[in-house]
N, C-alpha and C. Protein backbone atom coordinates (compact mmCIF):
# COMPACT_ATOMS: atom_id res chain seq x y z
N UNK A 1 252.00 366.32 156.31
CA UNK A 1 251.50 367.32 157.07
C UNK A 1 252.00 368.68 156.64
N UNK A 2 250.93 369.85 156.81
CA UNK A 2 251.04 370.72 156.65
C UNK A 2 251.81 371.57 157.80
N UNK A 3 252.68 372.04 157.64
CA UNK A 3 253.53 372.65 158.46
C UNK A 3 252.85 373.92 159.55
N UNK A 4 252.10 374.88 158.74
CA UNK A 4 251.06 375.41 159.34
C UNK A 4 250.83 375.24 160.74
N UNK A 5 250.11 373.40 160.55
CA UNK A 5 249.28 372.96 161.67
C UNK A 5 250.27 372.11 162.73
N UNK A 6 251.83 372.06 162.35
CA UNK A 6 252.59 371.00 163.36
C UNK A 6 252.49 370.96 164.10
N UNK A 7 252.67 372.27 164.69
CA UNK A 7 252.65 372.84 166.49
C UNK A 7 251.67 372.06 167.21
N UNK A 8 250.34 372.56 166.45
CA UNK A 8 249.07 371.92 166.97
C UNK A 8 248.86 370.73 167.19
N UNK A 9 249.24 369.53 166.18
CA UNK A 9 249.55 368.14 166.11
C UNK A 9 250.51 368.04 167.04
N UNK A 10 251.30 368.48 167.26
CA UNK A 10 252.06 368.22 168.31
C UNK A 10 251.70 368.31 169.97
N UNK A 11 250.76 369.56 169.99
CA UNK A 11 250.04 370.14 170.92
C UNK A 11 248.89 369.12 171.48
N UNK A 12 248.39 368.65 170.59
CA UNK A 12 247.38 367.73 170.69
C UNK A 12 247.77 366.39 171.17
N UNK A 13 249.16 366.05 170.19
CA UNK A 13 250.16 364.72 170.66
C UNK A 13 250.49 364.45 172.44
N UNK A 14 251.28 365.59 172.68
CA UNK A 14 251.48 365.71 174.11
C UNK A 14 250.29 365.78 174.60
N UNK A 15 249.14 366.32 174.64
CA UNK A 15 248.01 366.18 175.75
C UNK A 15 247.30 364.61 175.52
N UNK A 16 247.01 364.12 174.81
CA UNK A 16 246.75 362.72 174.64
C UNK A 16 247.38 361.87 175.19
N UNK A 17 248.62 362.06 175.50
CA UNK A 17 250.28 361.38 175.59
C UNK A 17 249.94 361.49 177.32
N UNK A 18 249.59 362.63 177.56
CA UNK A 18 249.75 363.00 179.12
C UNK A 18 248.65 362.53 179.80
N UNK A 19 247.28 362.35 178.76
CA UNK A 19 246.15 361.79 179.48
C UNK A 19 246.43 360.00 179.34
N UNK A 20 246.45 359.53 178.42
CA UNK A 20 247.44 358.19 178.57
C UNK A 20 247.85 357.71 179.98
N UNK A 21 249.15 358.48 180.05
CA UNK A 21 249.73 358.00 180.96
C UNK A 21 248.98 358.30 182.57
N UNK A 22 248.01 359.30 182.77
CA UNK A 22 247.10 359.67 183.56
C UNK A 22 246.60 358.41 183.94
N UNK A 23 246.17 357.76 182.83
CA UNK A 23 245.45 356.57 183.59
C UNK A 23 246.08 355.15 183.01
N UNK A 24 247.57 355.48 183.18
CA UNK A 24 248.28 354.09 183.58
C UNK A 24 248.30 353.25 182.26
N UNK A 25 247.95 353.53 180.93
CA UNK A 25 247.98 353.16 179.95
C UNK A 25 249.67 352.98 179.10
N UNK A 26 249.53 351.58 178.78
CA UNK A 26 250.57 351.75 177.58
C UNK A 26 250.08 352.23 176.24
N UNK A 27 250.50 352.50 174.97
CA UNK A 27 250.27 352.73 173.97
C UNK A 27 249.51 351.27 173.27
N UNK A 28 250.32 350.43 173.21
CA UNK A 28 248.91 348.97 173.43
C UNK A 28 247.82 348.96 173.66
N UNK A 29 247.86 349.06 175.10
CA UNK A 29 246.65 349.10 175.61
C UNK A 29 245.54 350.45 175.23
N UNK A 30 246.08 351.44 174.71
CA UNK A 30 244.93 352.47 174.42
C UNK A 30 244.45 351.92 172.88
N UNK A 31 245.42 351.29 172.20
CA UNK A 31 245.18 350.66 170.86
C UNK A 31 243.76 349.53 170.92
N UNK A 32 244.01 348.70 172.07
CA UNK A 32 242.99 348.08 172.32
C UNK A 32 241.94 347.98 172.82
N UNK A 33 242.07 349.49 173.49
CA UNK A 33 240.48 350.10 173.69
C UNK A 33 239.72 350.98 172.58
N UNK A 34 240.95 351.53 171.54
CA UNK A 34 239.91 351.88 170.78
C UNK A 34 239.46 350.62 169.67
N UNK A 35 240.19 349.44 169.53
CA UNK A 35 239.64 348.65 169.08
C UNK A 35 239.81 348.23 166.98
N UNK A 36 240.24 349.44 166.90
CA UNK A 36 240.62 349.92 165.17
C UNK A 36 242.00 351.01 164.94
N UNK A 37 242.90 351.60 166.07
CA UNK A 37 243.47 351.90 165.77
C UNK A 37 244.96 351.53 166.59
N UNK A 38 246.00 351.07 165.38
CA UNK A 38 247.17 350.54 165.92
C UNK A 38 248.23 351.47 166.50
N UNK A 39 248.72 350.83 167.47
CA UNK A 39 249.87 350.81 168.28
C UNK A 39 250.66 352.10 167.48
N UNK A 40 251.35 351.73 166.85
CA UNK A 40 251.86 352.26 166.11
C UNK A 40 251.52 354.08 165.44
N UNK A 41 250.38 353.99 165.43
CA UNK A 41 249.53 354.97 164.72
C UNK A 41 249.44 355.96 166.37
N UNK A 42 249.21 355.55 167.25
CA UNK A 42 249.07 355.84 167.99
C UNK A 42 250.53 356.67 169.03
N UNK A 43 251.60 356.07 168.60
CA UNK A 43 252.66 356.59 168.78
C UNK A 43 252.91 357.97 167.87
N UNK A 44 252.57 358.00 166.25
CA UNK A 44 252.92 359.08 165.59
C UNK A 44 252.03 359.67 166.17
N UNK A 45 250.69 359.90 166.87
CA UNK A 45 250.13 360.95 167.01
C UNK A 45 250.30 361.60 167.95
N UNK A 46 251.10 360.66 168.83
CA UNK A 46 251.11 361.52 170.43
C UNK A 46 252.56 362.21 170.03
N UNK A 47 253.54 361.68 169.48
CA UNK A 47 254.90 362.31 168.53
C UNK A 47 254.51 363.34 167.86
N UNK A 48 253.45 363.87 167.22
CA UNK A 48 252.75 365.06 166.17
C UNK A 48 253.66 364.60 164.62
N UNK A 49 253.51 363.02 164.55
CA UNK A 49 253.88 362.85 163.00
C UNK A 49 253.03 362.53 162.63
N UNK A 50 251.63 362.54 162.98
CA UNK A 50 250.42 362.08 162.40
C UNK A 50 249.39 363.21 161.87
N UNK A 51 249.04 363.09 160.43
CA UNK A 51 247.60 363.72 159.86
C UNK A 51 246.21 363.28 160.33
N UNK A 52 246.12 363.11 161.42
CA UNK A 52 245.13 362.36 161.62
C UNK A 52 243.48 362.54 161.54
N UNK A 53 242.55 362.06 161.19
CA UNK A 53 241.16 361.94 161.17
C UNK A 53 240.57 362.51 162.49
N UNK A 54 239.15 363.89 162.42
CA UNK A 54 238.80 364.19 163.84
C UNK A 54 238.20 362.96 164.30
N UNK A 55 237.57 361.98 163.86
CA UNK A 55 237.02 360.66 163.86
C UNK A 55 237.90 359.54 165.52
N UNK A 56 239.48 359.93 164.19
CA UNK A 56 240.49 359.06 165.15
C UNK A 56 240.53 359.78 166.50
N UNK A 57 240.52 361.09 166.52
CA UNK A 57 240.66 361.76 168.18
C UNK A 57 239.33 361.59 168.58
N UNK A 58 238.37 361.13 168.15
CA UNK A 58 237.10 361.11 169.00
C UNK A 58 237.18 359.68 169.76
N UNK A 59 237.55 358.83 168.69
CA UNK A 59 237.73 357.32 169.55
C UNK A 59 239.13 357.25 170.51
N UNK A 60 239.93 358.15 170.49
CA UNK A 60 240.92 358.00 171.48
C UNK A 60 240.20 359.40 172.82
N UNK A 61 239.70 359.73 172.70
CA UNK A 61 239.07 360.37 173.83
C UNK A 61 237.83 359.90 174.52
N UNK A 62 237.63 358.83 174.04
CA UNK A 62 236.33 357.80 173.99
C UNK A 62 237.12 356.76 174.56
N UNK A 63 238.11 355.97 174.15
CA UNK A 63 238.89 355.25 174.83
C UNK A 63 239.70 355.84 176.25
N UNK A 64 239.55 356.86 176.32
CA UNK A 64 240.09 357.69 177.47
C UNK A 64 239.36 358.04 178.55
N UNK A 65 237.95 357.96 177.89
CA UNK A 65 236.98 358.37 178.65
C UNK A 65 237.54 359.99 178.90
N UNK A 66 237.79 361.10 177.72
CA UNK A 66 237.37 362.28 178.54
C UNK A 66 237.21 362.94 177.14
N UNK A 67 236.73 364.09 177.31
CA UNK A 67 235.80 364.99 176.08
C UNK A 67 237.25 365.86 175.00
N UNK A 68 236.67 365.96 173.98
CA UNK A 68 237.70 366.77 173.51
C UNK A 68 237.87 367.85 173.82
N UNK A 69 237.76 368.56 174.60
CA UNK A 69 237.83 370.01 175.12
C UNK A 69 239.37 369.78 176.12
N UNK A 70 238.86 368.51 177.01
CA UNK A 70 240.10 368.40 177.35
C UNK A 70 241.46 367.89 176.69
N UNK A 71 241.45 367.69 175.64
CA UNK A 71 242.56 367.46 174.68
C UNK A 71 242.87 368.86 173.98
N UNK A 72 241.82 369.72 173.78
CA UNK A 72 241.89 370.83 172.83
C UNK A 72 242.62 372.13 173.32
N UNK A 73 242.08 371.79 175.05
CA UNK A 73 242.45 373.26 175.51
C UNK A 73 243.38 373.42 176.79
N UNK A 74 244.31 374.32 176.09
CA UNK A 74 246.26 374.51 177.10
C UNK A 74 245.70 374.40 177.99
N UNK A 75 246.56 374.21 178.93
CA UNK A 75 246.48 374.15 180.34
C UNK A 75 248.26 374.47 180.49
N UNK A 76 248.74 375.75 181.16
CA UNK A 76 249.98 376.24 181.60
C UNK A 76 250.09 375.86 182.73
């Protein structure tokens, strides 16, 4: 992953993790809802360790029933 974007990936991962926990889902349950993304990849994304495709983010948002804006918008 390019260091310039590491902070952004971490912020997105934190946002996904927060939304997943709000829905009381485990990483495994979320993985099953996506159908194509395995639990370890979700863990890596949530921890900012994964340089993921935009389509992966879309699949996660659909599984969490949230919009891309919910993930990309900073809320302090």
